[in-house]
Amino acid sequence: MIARYLKYAPIVCCEDTGDFPISCVSIKREESYIDLFTSLKEQGYEKIGLAVGRMEKESASTGLIMQAYRDIIVYSDESMIVRNCRTYEDGIQAGIHFTGLKDLQVIVTNGDDVAAGILQPLSSNQVTVIGEENLLSSRLFNFSTINHTINQCGKAAFHLLWEEEIRTVSIPYTVIKRV
């Protein structure tokens, strides 16, 4: 449906368009989640909580992290997952929920501000918290984060608008380990 509008102006999607003839910039979220959960499992972590922003049906990235979580962690306890976490305040509520879970070792979140909120009722001495996007909050609270370099995605998308050729640009991620 979107491809029909290419006759009016160039279009660039900020998700992988697969075989569709539309330029795109994609972030390797699936790979980053697989790498993160694999690394945590290899380090011996077993009780890993997860905070996500939306339901899998609403968000492709939530679907990717949930699939990696289920495939690698192989943990089916729904109490380990808190949904609808988008803000610092949501993180505080998630942190309150997570305080009631025994032997929780790690909490992986969908954002640094959510992670900062989780650290209000919990402390980094109790549980390791990992955020996303390397925002100021992860630097101030000194917790690890997955940097998907969203700003590079925007820059690459802008440059693709001026190219005649349809291309896919893949943006790398980094895991920034702190503490």
C-alpha atoms as a PDB file:
ATOM      1  CA  MET A   1       0.000   0.000   0.000  1.00  0.00           C
ATOM      2  CA  ILE A   2       2.779   2.446   0.911  1.00  0.00           C
ATOM      3  CA  ALA A   3       4.710   1.661  -2.293  1.00  0.00           C
ATOM      4  CA  ARG A   4       1.875   3.210  -4.348  1.00  0.00           C
ATOM      5  CA  TYR A   5       2.880   6.631  -2.979  1.00  0.00           C
ATOM      6  CA  LEU A   6       6.446   6.402  -4.309  1.00  0.00           C
ATOM      7  CA  LYS A   7       5.250   8.087  -7.505  1.00  0.00           C
ATOM      8  CA  TYR A   8       4.651  11.286  -5.509  1.00  0.00           C
ATOM      9  CA  ALA A   9       7.814  11.434  -3.412  1.00  0.00           C
ATOM     10  CA  PRO A  10      10.580   9.224  -2.052  1.00  0.00           C
ATOM     11  CA  ILE A  11       9.710   7.147   1.009  1.00  0.00           C
ATOM     12  CA  VAL A  12      12.052   5.730   3.611  1.00  0.00           C
ATOM     13  CA  CYS A  13      10.850   3.390   6.354  1.00  0.00           C
ATOM     14  CA  CYS A  14      12.581   3.085   9.699  1.00  0.00           C
ATOM     15  CA  GLU A  15      11.882  -0.655   9.908  1.00  0.00           C
ATOM     16  CA  ASP A  16      13.108  -3.433   7.662  1.00  0.00           C
ATOM     17  CA  THR A  17      10.861  -3.501   4.591  1.00  0.00           C
ATOM     18  CA  GLY A  18      12.062  -6.921   3.473  1.00  0.00           C
ATOM     19  CA  ASP A  19      11.415  -7.478  -0.226  1.00  0.00           C
ATOM     20  CA  PHE A  20       9.184  -4.431  -0.684  1.00  0.00           C
ATOM     21  CA  PRO A  21      10.676  -1.836  -3.056  1.00  0.00           C
ATOM     22  CA  ILE A  22      11.028   0.863  -0.399  1.00  0.00           C
ATOM     23  CA  SER A  23      14.295   2.119   1.075  1.00  0.00           C
ATOM     24  CA  CYS A  24      14.670   1.471   4.750  1.00  0.00           C
ATOM     25  CA  VAL A  25      16.886   1.849   7.747  1.00  0.00           C
ATOM     26  CA  SER A  26      16.750  -1.050  10.141  1.00  0.00           C
ATOM     27  CA  ILE A  27      18.074  -1.499  13.636  1.00  0.00           C
ATOM     28  CA  LYS A  28      19.283  -4.956  14.596  1.00  0.00           C
ATOM     29  CA  ARG A  29      16.993  -5.235  17.614  1.00  0.00           C
ATOM     30  CA  GLU A  30      16.404  -8.970  17.319  1.00  0.00           C
ATOM     31  CA  GLU A  31      20.148  -9.647  17.201  1.00  0.00           C
ATOM     32  CA  SER A  32      20.747  -7.346  20.178  1.00  0.00           C
ATOM     33  CA  TYR A  33      18.147  -9.135  22.308  1.00  0.00           C
ATOM     34  CA  ILE A  34      19.442 -12.577  21.365  1.00  0.00           C
ATOM     35  CA  ASP A  35      22.999 -11.498  22.197  1.00  0.00           C
ATOM     36  CA  LEU A  36      21.945  -9.937  25.515  1.00  0.00           C
ATOM     37  CA  PHE A  37      19.910 -12.907  26.775  1.00  0.00           C
ATOM     38  CA  THR A  38      22.545 -15.387  25.572  1.00  0.00           C
ATOM     39  CA  SER A  39      25.236 -13.435  27.434  1.00  0.00           C
ATOM     40  CA  LEU A  40      23.146 -13.267  30.617  1.00  0.00           C
ATOM     41  CA  LYS A  41      22.460 -16.997  30.487  1.00  0.00           C
ATOM     42  CA  GLU A  42      26.157 -17.756  29.887  1.00  0.00           C
ATOM     43  CA  GLN A  43      26.988 -15.637  32.955  1.00  0.00           C
ATOM     44  CA  GLY A  44      24.753 -17.921  35.025  1.00  0.00           C
ATOM     45  CA  TYR A  45      21.723 -15.657  35.460  1.00  0.00           C
ATOM     46  CA  GLU A  46      18.482 -17.584  35.669  1.00  0.00           C
ATOM     47  CA  LYS A  47      15.851 -15.313  37.246  1.00  0.00           C
ATOM     48  CA  ILE A  48      15.484 -12.505  34.715  1.00  0.00           C
ATOM     49  CA  GLY A  49      12.589 -10.066  34.789  1.00  0.00           C
ATOM     50  CA  LEU A  50      11.427  -8.149  31.738  1.00  0.00           C
ATOM     51  CA  ALA A  51       9.685  -4.777  31.366  1.00  0.00           C
ATOM     52  CA  VAL A  52       8.136  -4.025  27.963  1.00  0.00           C
ATOM     53  CA  GLY A  53       6.236  -1.044  26.634  1.00  0.00           C
ATOM     54  CA  ARG A  54       3.433  -2.576  24.620  1.00  0.00           C
ATOM     55  CA  MET A  55       1.810  -5.870  23.755  1.00  0.00           C
ATOM     56  CA  GLU A  56       3.451  -8.041  21.093  1.00  0.00           C
ATOM     57  CA  LYS A  57       0.515  -7.511  18.722  1.00  0.00           C
ATOM     58  CA  GLU A  58       1.049  -3.743  18.887  1.00  0.00           C
ATOM     59  CA  SER A  59       4.832  -3.579  18.706  1.00  0.00           C
ATOM     60  CA  ALA A  60       7.280  -5.459  16.515  1.00  0.00           C
ATOM     61  CA  SER A  61      10.150  -4.715  18.910  1.00  0.00           C
ATOM     62  CA  THR A  62       8.153  -6.083  21.858  1.00  0.00           C
ATOM     63  CA  GLY A  63       7.512  -9.209  19.816  1.00  0.00           C
ATOM     64  CA  LEU A  64      11.248  -9.552  19.123  1.00  0.00           C
ATOM     65  CA  ILE A  65      12.334  -9.193  22.750  1.00  0.00           C
ATOM     66  CA  MET A  66       9.577 -11.530  23.966  1.00  0.00           C
ATOM     67  CA  GLN A  67      10.570 -14.189  21.421  1.00  0.00           C
ATOM     68  CA  ALA A  68      14.260 -13.944  22.392  1.00  0.00           C
ATOM     69  CA  TYR A  69      13.289 -14.076  26.090  1.00  0.00           C
ATOM     70  CA  ARG A  70      11.152 -17.193  25.623  1.00  0.00           C
ATOM     71  CA  ASP A  71      13.654 -18.947  23.346  1.00  0.00           C
ATOM     72  CA  ILE A  72      16.786 -18.282  25.400  1.00  0.00           C
ATOM     73  CA  ILE A  73      15.661 -17.832  28.987  1.00  0.00           C
ATOM     74  CA  VAL A  74      12.944 -20.509  28.628  1.00  0.00           C
ATOM     75  CA  TYR A  75      11.058 -19.051  31.549  1.00  0.00           C
ATOM     76  CA  SER A  76       7.276 -19.109  31.490  1.00  0.00           C
ATOM     77  CA  ASP A  77       6.424 -17.365  34.765  1.00  0.00           C
ATOM     78  CA  GLU A  78       4.264 -14.401  33.667  1.00  0.00           C
ATOM     79  CA  SER A  79       4.988 -12.598  36.953  1.00  0.00           C
ATOM     80  CA  MET A  80       8.516 -12.028  35.597  1.00  0.00           C
ATOM     81  CA  ILE A  81       7.083  -9.803  32.833  1.00  0.00           C
ATOM     82  CA  VAL A  82       5.662  -6.317  33.368  1.00  0.00           C
ATOM     83  CA  ARG A  83       3.864  -4.746  30.412  1.00  0.00           C
ATOM     84  CA  ASN A  84       2.880  -1.170  29.597  1.00  0.00           C
ATOM     85  CA  CYS A  85       6.121   0.336  30.912  1.00  0.00           C
ATOM     86  CA  ARG A  86       6.895   3.452  28.907  1.00  0.00           C
ATOM     87  CA  THR A  87       7.896   6.111  31.404  1.00  0.00           C
ATOM     88  CA  TYR A  88       9.970   6.674  34.511  1.00  0.00           C
ATOM     89  CA  GLU A  89       6.753   6.554  36.577  1.00  0.00           C
ATOM     90  CA  ASP A  90       5.771   3.239  34.960  1.00  0.00           C
ATOM     91  CA  GLY A  91       9.238   1.995  35.909  1.00  0.00           C
ATOM     92  CA  ILE A  92       8.623   2.864  39.562  1.00  0.00           C
ATOM     93  CA  GLN A  93       5.427   0.765  39.506  1.00  0.00           C
ATOM     94  CA  ALA A  94       7.290  -2.081  37.788  1.00  0.00           C
ATOM     95  CA  GLY A  95      10.025  -1.821  40.421  1.00  0.00           C
ATOM     96  CA  ILE A  96       7.416  -2.174  43.161  1.00  0.00           C
ATOM     97  CA  HIS A  97       6.114  -5.297  41.397  1.00  0.00           C
ATOM     98  CA  PHE A  98       9.620  -6.733  41.039  1.00  0.00           C
ATOM     99  CA  THR A  99      10.380  -6.227  44.760  1.00  0.00           C
ATOM    100  CA  GLY A 100       7.861  -9.007  45.436  1.00  0.00           C
ATOM    101  CA  LEU A 101       9.732 -11.593  43.359  1.00  0.00           C
ATOM    102  CA  LYS A 102      12.184 -13.843  45.160  1.00  0.00           C
ATOM    103  CA  ASP A 103      15.755 -14.284  43.953  1.00  0.00           C
ATOM    104  CA  LEU A 104      15.355 -11.951  40.977  1.00  0.00           C
ATOM    105  CA  GLN A 105      18.821 -11.370  39.509  1.00  0.00           C
ATOM    106  CA  VAL A 106      18.368  -9.162  36.440  1.00  0.00           C
ATOM    107  CA  ILE A 107      15.681  -6.920  34.969  1.00  0.00           C
ATOM    108  CA  VAL A 108      15.858  -6.112  31.262  1.00  0.00           C
ATOM    109  CA  THR A 109      13.841  -3.043  30.297  1.00  0.00           C
ATOM    110  CA  ASN A 110      12.626  -1.426  27.115  1.00  0.00           C
ATOM    111  CA  GLY A 111      14.199   1.930  27.969  1.00  0.00           C
ATOM    112  CA  ASP A 112      16.656   3.722  30.192  1.00  0.00           C
ATOM    113  CA  ASP A 113      14.026   5.952  31.800  1.00  0.00           C
ATOM    114  CA  VAL A 114      11.958   2.879  32.710  1.00  0.00           C
ATOM    115  CA  ALA A 115      15.104   1.289  34.170  1.00  0.00           C
ATOM    116  CA  ALA A 116      15.808   4.437  36.216  1.00  0.00           C
ATOM    117  CA  GLY A 117      12.267   4.240  37.620  1.00  0.00           C
ATOM    118  CA  ILE A 118      12.700   0.568  38.499  1.00  0.00           C
ATOM    119  CA  LEU A 119      15.785   1.507  40.498  1.00  0.00           C
ATOM    120  CA  GLN A 120      13.716   3.709  42.835  1.00  0.00           C
ATOM    121  CA  PRO A 121      12.120   0.913  44.904  1.00  0.00           C
ATOM    122  CA  LEU A 122      15.023  -1.455  44.136  1.00  0.00           C
ATOM    123  CA  SER A 123      18.743  -0.858  44.291  1.00  0.00           C
ATOM    124  CA  SER A 124      21.487  -1.948  41.924  1.00  0.00           C
ATOM    125  CA  ASN A 125      22.893  -3.937  44.885  1.00  0.00           C
ATOM    126  CA  GLN A 126      19.730  -6.091  44.849  1.00  0.00           C
ATOM    127  CA  VAL A 127      19.355  -6.645  41.117  1.00  0.00           C
ATOM    128  CA  THR A 128      21.133  -5.791  37.864  1.00  0.00           C
ATOM    129  CA  VAL A 129      19.037  -3.499  35.662  1.00  0.00           C
ATOM    130  CA  ILE A 130      19.662  -3.129  31.929  1.00  0.00           C
ATOM    131  CA  GLY A 131      18.072  -0.386  29.868  1.00  0.00           C
ATOM    132  CA  GLU A 132      17.930   0.619  26.215  1.00  0.00           C
ATOM    133  CA  GLU A 133      19.184   3.602  24.207  1.00  0.00           C
ATOM    134  CA  ASN A 134      22.048   4.994  26.333  1.00  0.00           C
ATOM    135  CA  LEU A 135      20.089   7.998  27.561  1.00  0.00           C
ATOM    136  CA  LEU A 136      21.296  10.395  30.229  1.00  0.00           C
ATOM    137  CA  SER A 137      19.449   8.374  32.893  1.00  0.00           C
ATOM    138  CA  SER A 138      21.627   5.281  32.254  1.00  0.00           C
ATOM    139  CA  ARG A 139      24.765   7.370  32.618  1.00  0.00           C
ATOM    140  CA  LEU A 140      23.570   9.134  35.771  1.00  0.00           C
ATOM    141  CA  PHE A 141      22.328   5.934  37.446  1.00  0.00           C
ATOM    142  CA  ASN A 142      25.300   3.986  36.058  1.00  0.00           C
ATOM    143  CA  PHE A 143      23.496   0.936  34.673  1.00  0.00           C
ATOM    144  CA  SER A 144      24.151  -1.072  31.503  1.00  0.00           C
ATOM    145  CA  THR A 145      22.189  -0.377  28.343  1.00  0.00           C
ATOM    146  CA  ILE A 146      21.747  -1.529  24.765  1.00  0.00           C
ATOM    147  CA  ASN A 147      22.457   1.393  22.465  1.00  0.00           C
ATOM    148  CA  HIS A 148      20.483   1.022  19.246  1.00  0.00           C
ATOM    149  CA  THR A 149      21.765   4.450  18.123  1.00  0.00           C
ATOM    150  CA  ILE A 150      18.363   5.789  17.161  1.00  0.00           C
ATOM    151  CA  ASN A 151      19.906   9.128  16.128  1.00  0.00           C
ATOM    152  CA  GLN A 152      21.950   7.316  13.461  1.00  0.00           C
ATOM    153  CA  CYS A 153      18.731   5.766  12.193  1.00  0.00           C
ATOM    154  CA  GLY A 154      17.241   9.218  11.625  1.00  0.00           C
ATOM    155  CA  LYS A 155      20.349  10.540   9.905  1.00  0.00           C
ATOM    156  CA  ALA A 156      20.574   7.519   7.614  1.00  0.00           C
ATOM    157  CA  ALA A 157      16.873   7.780   6.750  1.00  0.00           C
ATOM    158  CA  PHE A 158      17.279  11.443   5.828  1.00  0.00           C
ATOM    159  CA  HIS A 159      20.225  10.660   3.526  1.00  0.00           C
ATOM    160  CA  LEU A 160      18.320   7.806   1.868  1.00  0.00           C
ATOM    161  CA  LEU A 161      15.595  10.265   0.856  1.00  0.00           C
ATOM    162  CA  TRP A 162      18.041  11.888  -1.575  1.00  0.00           C
ATOM    163  CA  GLU A 163      19.283   8.681  -3.175  1.00  0.00           C
ATOM    164  CA  GLU A 164      17.792   7.402  -6.415  1.00  0.00           C
ATOM    165  CA  GLU A 165      18.499   3.740  -5.635  1.00  0.00           C
ATOM    166  CA  ILE A 166      16.325   1.759  -3.222  1.00  0.00           C
ATOM    167  CA  ARG A 167      18.569   0.571  -0.410  1.00  0.00           C
ATOM    168  CA  THR A 168      18.495  -0.997   3.014  1.00  0.00           C
ATOM    169  CA  VAL A 169      20.822   0.415   5.656  1.00  0.00           C
ATOM    170  CA  SER A 170      21.430  -1.596   8.807  1.00  0.00           C
ATOM    171  CA  ILE A 171      22.399   0.302  11.960  1.00  0.00           C
ATOM    172  CA  PRO A 172      24.655  -1.581  14.405  1.00  0.00           C
ATOM    173  CA  TYR A 173      24.013  -1.707  18.143  1.00  0.00           C
ATOM    174  CA  THR A 174      26.351  -1.836  21.107  1.00  0.00           C
ATOM    175  CA  VAL A 175      25.880  -3.150  24.613  1.00  0.00           C
ATOM    176  CA  ILE A 176      27.328  -0.630  27.034  1.00  0.00           C
ATOM    177  CA  LYS A 177      28.299  -2.384  30.246  1.00  0.00           C
ATOM    178  CA  ARG A 178      28.428  -0.317  33.401  1.00  0.00           C
ATOM    179  CA  VAL A 179      29.080  -1.406  37.007  1.00  0.00           C
END
